[in-house]
C-alpha atoms as a PDB file:
ATOM      1  CA  UNK A   1     -13.030   2.679  22.663  1.00  0.00           C
ATOM      2  CA  UNK A   2      -9.901   0.532  22.917  1.00  0.00           C
ATOM      3  CA  UNK A   3      -9.187   0.327  19.147  1.00  0.00           C
ATOM      4  CA  UNK A   4      -7.356  -2.986  19.647  1.00  0.00           C
ATOM      5  CA  UNK A   5      -8.850  -4.338  16.442  1.00  0.00           C
ATOM      6  CA  UNK A   6      -7.521  -1.371  14.440  1.00  0.00           C
ATOM      7  CA  UNK A   7      -4.086  -1.547  16.087  1.00  0.00           C
ATOM      8  CA  UNK A   8      -3.714  -5.248  15.263  1.00  0.00           C
ATOM      9  CA  UNK A   9      -5.110  -5.196  11.717  1.00  0.00           C
ATOM     10  CA  UNK A  10      -2.172  -5.966   9.386  1.00  0.00           C
ATOM     11  CA  UNK A  11      -3.959  -4.404   6.406  1.00  0.00           C
ATOM     12  CA  UNK A  12      -5.167  -1.268   8.255  1.00  0.00           C
ATOM     13  CA  UNK A  13      -8.673  -2.131   7.077  1.00  0.00           C
ATOM     14  CA  UNK A  14     -10.262  -1.044  10.380  1.00  0.00           C
ATOM     15  CA  UNK A  15     -10.446   2.734  10.902  1.00  0.00           C
ATOM     16  CA  UNK A  16      -9.161   4.447  14.061  1.00  0.00           C
ATOM     17  CA  UNK A  17     -11.571   7.377  13.755  1.00  0.00           C
ATOM     18  CA  UNK A  18     -15.163   7.869  14.753  1.00  0.00           C
ATOM     19  CA  UNK A  19     -18.066   5.802  13.521  1.00  0.00           C
ATOM     20  CA  UNK A  20     -19.816   6.742  10.288  1.00  0.00           C
ATOM     21  CA  UNK A  21     -23.407   6.250   9.230  1.00  0.00           C
ATOM     22  CA  UNK A  22     -23.717   3.398   6.747  1.00  0.00           C
ATOM     23  CA  UNK A  23     -27.227   2.709   5.451  1.00  0.00           C
ATOM     24  CA  UNK A  24     -28.668   4.391   8.556  1.00  0.00           C
ATOM     25  CA  UNK A  25     -26.494   2.504  11.072  1.00  0.00           C
ATOM     26  CA  UNK A  26     -23.623   4.020  13.083  1.00  0.00           C
ATOM     27  CA  UNK A  27     -20.578   1.765  12.698  1.00  0.00           C
ATOM     28  CA  UNK A  28     -16.922   1.616  11.817  1.00  0.00           C
ATOM     29  CA  UNK A  29     -16.775   0.940   8.102  1.00  0.00           C
ATOM     30  CA  UNK A  30     -14.331  -1.845   7.312  1.00  0.00           C
ATOM     31  CA  UNK A  31     -12.226  -1.519   4.159  1.00  0.00           C
ATOM     32  CA  UNK A  32     -13.193  -4.948   2.843  1.00  0.00           C
ATOM     33  CA  UNK A  33     -10.879  -4.781  -0.172  1.00  0.00           C
ATOM     34  CA  UNK A  34      -7.796  -4.184   2.008  1.00  0.00           C
ATOM     35  CA  UNK A  35      -8.865  -6.970   4.362  1.00  0.00           C
ATOM     36  CA  UNK A  36      -9.345  -9.480   1.554  1.00  0.00           C
ATOM     37  CA  UNK A  37      -6.042  -8.458  -0.041  1.00  0.00           C
ATOM     38  CA  UNK A  38      -4.282  -9.275   3.248  1.00  0.00           C
ATOM     39  CA  UNK A  39      -6.015 -12.668   3.248  1.00  0.00           C
ATOM     40  CA  UNK A  40      -4.657 -13.302  -0.252  1.00  0.00           C
ATOM     41  CA  UNK A  41      -1.119 -12.378   0.775  1.00  0.00           C
ATOM     42  CA  UNK A  42      -1.313 -14.610   3.882  1.00  0.00           C
ATOM     43  CA  UNK A  43      -2.980 -17.399   1.869  1.00  0.00           C
ATOM     44  CA  UNK A  44      -5.404 -17.790   4.765  1.00  0.00           C
ATOM     45  CA  UNK A  45      -7.931 -15.855   6.759  1.00  0.00           C
ATOM     46  CA  UNK A  46      -6.554 -13.481   9.372  1.00  0.00           C
ATOM     47  CA  UNK A  47      -8.877 -13.018  12.363  1.00  0.00           C
ATOM     48  CA  UNK A  48      -6.490 -10.863  14.430  1.00  0.00           C
ATOM     49  CA  UNK A  49      -9.227  -8.290  14.954  1.00  0.00           C
ATOM     50  CA  UNK A  50     -11.442 -10.938  16.515  1.00  0.00           C
ATOM     51  CA  UNK A  51      -8.597 -12.495  18.499  1.00  0.00           C
ATOM     52  CA  UNK A  52      -7.658  -9.208  20.160  1.00  0.00           C
ATOM     53  CA  UNK A  53     -11.197  -7.913  20.773  1.00  0.00           C
ATOM     54  CA  UNK A  54     -11.982  -7.808  24.513  1.00  0.00           C
ATOM     55  CA  UNK A  55     -15.574  -8.805  23.721  1.00  0.00           C
ATOM     56  CA  UNK A  56     -14.446 -12.093  22.155  1.00  0.00           C
ATOM     57  CA  UNK A  57     -12.921 -13.562  25.328  1.00  0.00           C
ATOM     58  CA  UNK A  58     -14.471 -16.920  26.257  1.00  0.00           C
ATOM     59  CA  UNK A  59     -17.295 -17.096  28.793  1.00  0.00           C
ATOM     60  CA  UNK A  60     -15.866 -17.152  32.312  1.00  0.00           C
ATOM     61  CA  UNK A  61     -16.909 -15.512  35.554  1.00  0.00           C
ATOM     62  CA  UNK A  62     -14.362 -12.676  35.313  1.00  0.00           C
ATOM     63  CA  UNK A  63     -15.044 -11.987  31.626  1.00  0.00           C
ATOM     64  CA  UNK A  64     -18.801 -12.063  32.209  1.00  0.00           C
ATOM     65  CA  UNK A  65     -18.497  -9.565  35.088  1.00  0.00           C
ATOM     66  CA  UNK A  66     -16.380  -7.251  32.949  1.00  0.00           C
ATOM     67  CA  UNK A  67     -18.929  -7.441  30.110  1.00  0.00           C
ATOM     68  CA  UNK A  68     -21.723  -6.620  32.560  1.00  0.00           C
ATOM     69  CA  UNK A  69     -19.780  -3.603  33.826  1.00  0.00           C
ATOM     70  CA  UNK A  70     -19.043  -2.407  30.289  1.00  0.00           C
ATOM     71  CA  UNK A  71     -22.709  -2.651  29.393  1.00  0.00           C
ATOM     72  CA  UNK A  72     -23.780  -0.486  32.335  1.00  0.00           C
ATOM     73  CA  UNK A  73     -20.962   1.991  33.014  1.00  0.00           C
ATOM     74  CA  UNK A  74     -18.832   4.357  30.880  1.00  0.00           C
ATOM     75  CA  UNK A  75     -16.203   4.313  33.641  1.00  0.00           C
ATOM     76  CA  UNK A  76     -16.040   0.507  33.456  1.00  0.00           C
ATOM     77  CA  UNK A  77     -15.426   0.786  29.695  1.00  0.00           C
ATOM     78  CA  UNK A  78     -12.291   2.861  30.260  1.00  0.00           C
ATOM     79  CA  UNK A  79     -11.011   0.635  33.062  1.00  0.00           C
ATOM     80  CA  UNK A  80     -11.693  -2.562  31.114  1.00  0.00           C
ATOM     81  CA  UNK A  81      -9.704  -1.397  28.081  1.00  0.00           C
ATOM     82  CA  UNK A  82      -6.745  -0.651  30.367  1.00  0.00           C
ATOM     83  CA  UNK A  83      -7.171  -3.998  32.173  1.00  0.00           C
ATOM     84  CA  UNK A  84      -7.327  -5.934  28.913  1.00  0.00           C
ATOM     85  CA  UNK A  85      -4.068  -4.298  27.790  1.00  0.00           C
ATOM     86  CA  UNK A  86      -2.517  -5.155  31.153  1.00  0.00           C
ATOM     87  CA  UNK A  87      -3.486  -8.849  31.140  1.00  0.00           C
ATOM     88  CA  UNK A  88      -3.540  -9.672  27.411  1.00  0.00           C
ATOM     89  CA  UNK A  89      -1.242  -7.029  25.911  1.00  0.00           C
ATOM     90  CA  UNK A  90      -1.942  -4.293  23.411  1.00  0.00           C
ATOM     91  CA  UNK A  91      -0.642  -6.180  20.383  1.00  0.00           C
ATOM     92  CA  UNK A  92      -1.531  -9.725  19.351  1.00  0.00           C
ATOM     93  CA  UNK A  93       1.007 -12.497  19.645  1.00  0.00           C
ATOM     94  CA  UNK A  94       1.248 -13.770  16.083  1.00  0.00           C
END
């Protein structure tokens, strides 16, 4: 919903659009070739998608409560994306 991973991907390997069905599973199909090419250019792995993902925040009371809300409420999903942008920013600090 928040698309933070797609916004922060330097290779644009993560799609902004809707999920697609891949081998019977609904998911966002990563462009692996573009991702690996960015790794080659950076001479290292990237990980910005994982760094900016709201679900990858460390375990803490506040983060755990937000994850619980996201799991149970569509409204909480919208509010949490806005809150994550407010506290952590929309773009990664490189």
